[in-house]
């Protein structure tokens, strides 16, 4: 049997997903409408040398991703640890 908090969490996730779908469908392009911006398919006409990336620039996205993943895992591990374990002892 599902607990009340789990049902609330599932309903929250479903409602957020439905809201995102509605907002995207309201503001998207329909029919012959176009989003006007720079054409990325055309090659650039002038050469602009890129600056060499530092080790910090290369590692930042990975560190952010690992930090988010680790904090999520720690959060869920602590929540599971707090849950009372039910036994069948009489």
Protein backbone atom coordinates (compact mmCIF):
# COMPACT_ATOMS: atom_id res chain seq x y z
CA UNK A 1 0.00 0.00 0.00
CA UNK A 2 1.35 3.42 -0.95
CA UNK A 3 1.89 5.99 1.74
CA UNK A 4 0.25 9.39 1.61
CA UNK A 5 3.52 11.25 1.02
CA UNK A 6 4.41 8.99 -1.91
CA UNK A 7 1.01 9.61 -3.50
CA UNK A 8 1.47 13.36 -3.03
CA UNK A 9 4.94 13.20 -4.57
CA UNK A 10 3.67 11.29 -7.60
CA UNK A 11 0.76 13.68 -8.08
CA UNK A 12 3.15 16.65 -7.82
CA UNK A 13 5.46 15.20 -10.48
CA UNK A 14 2.54 14.43 -12.80
CA UNK A 15 1.06 17.91 -12.39
CA UNK A 16 4.44 19.57 -13.08
CA UNK A 17 4.88 17.48 -16.24
CA UNK A 18 1.38 18.36 -17.46
CA UNK A 19 2.01 22.05 -16.76
CA UNK A 20 5.28 21.96 -18.72
CA UNK A 21 3.53 20.29 -21.66
CA UNK A 22 0.76 22.90 -21.65
CA UNK A 23 3.18 25.84 -21.47
CA UNK A 24 5.35 24.45 -24.28
CA UNK A 25 2.35 23.82 -26.51
CA UNK A 26 1.05 27.36 -25.92
CA UNK A 27 4.31 29.11 -26.82
CA UNK A 28 5.60 26.82 -29.59
CA UNK A 29 5.43 27.48 -33.32
CA UNK A 30 2.38 26.27 -35.23
CA UNK A 31 1.85 25.83 -38.96
CA UNK A 32 3.92 28.15 -41.10
CA UNK A 33 5.28 30.23 -38.22
CA UNK A 34 9.04 30.52 -37.81
CA UNK A 35 11.40 31.42 -35.01
CA UNK A 36 13.72 34.01 -36.54
CA UNK A 37 17.33 33.71 -35.44
CA UNK A 38 20.83 33.20 -36.82
CA UNK A 39 21.10 30.37 -39.35
CA UNK A 40 23.52 27.92 -37.74
CA UNK A 41 23.66 25.80 -40.91
CA UNK A 42 25.66 28.46 -42.76
CA UNK A 43 29.40 28.29 -42.13
CA UNK A 44 30.92 31.43 -40.61
CA UNK A 45 32.50 33.75 -43.15
CA UNK A 46 35.35 34.89 -40.94
CA UNK A 47 37.76 32.86 -38.87
CA UNK A 48 37.81 33.59 -35.16
CA UNK A 49 40.42 31.59 -33.24
CA UNK A 50 39.06 30.15 -30.02
CA UNK A 51 40.87 30.62 -26.76
CA UNK A 52 42.39 27.50 -25.21
CA UNK A 53 40.25 26.15 -22.40
CA UNK A 54 41.67 25.88 -18.92
CA UNK A 55 41.35 22.76 -16.81
CA UNK A 56 38.79 24.58 -14.67
CA UNK A 57 36.61 25.26 -17.74
CA UNK A 58 36.78 21.59 -18.71
CA UNK A 59 36.04 20.19 -15.24
CA UNK A 60 33.27 22.57 -14.10
CA UNK A 61 30.34 20.80 -15.83
CA UNK A 62 31.54 17.42 -14.59
CA UNK A 63 31.98 18.67 -11.03
CA UNK A 64 28.50 20.22 -11.04
CA UNK A 65 26.96 16.98 -12.38
CA UNK A 66 28.79 14.80 -9.86
CA UNK A 67 27.89 17.17 -7.01
CA UNK A 68 24.17 17.13 -7.91
CA UNK A 69 24.17 13.35 -8.27
CA UNK A 70 26.01 12.83 -4.97
CA UNK A 71 23.75 15.23 -3.06
CA UNK A 72 20.65 13.50 -4.45
CA UNK A 73 21.97 10.07 -3.51
CA UNK A 74 22.89 11.24 0.01
CA UNK A 75 19.46 12.82 0.43
CA UNK A 76 17.60 9.65 -0.59
CA UNK A 77 19.94 7.44 1.46
CA UNK A 78 19.22 9.51 4.57
CA UNK A 79 15.47 9.37 3.90
CA UNK A 80 15.59 5.58 3.57
CA UNK A 81 17.68 5.33 6.74
CA UNK A 82 15.08 7.29 8.71
CA UNK A 83 12.18 5.10 7.58
CA UNK A 84 11.02 2.65 10.25
CA UNK A 85 11.55 -0.94 9.20
CA UNK A 86 8.41 -3.04 9.67
CA UNK A 87 8.89 -6.59 10.84
CA UNK A 88 6.59 -9.59 11.08
CA UNK A 89 7.58 -10.38 14.67
CA UNK A 90 4.69 -11.25 16.98
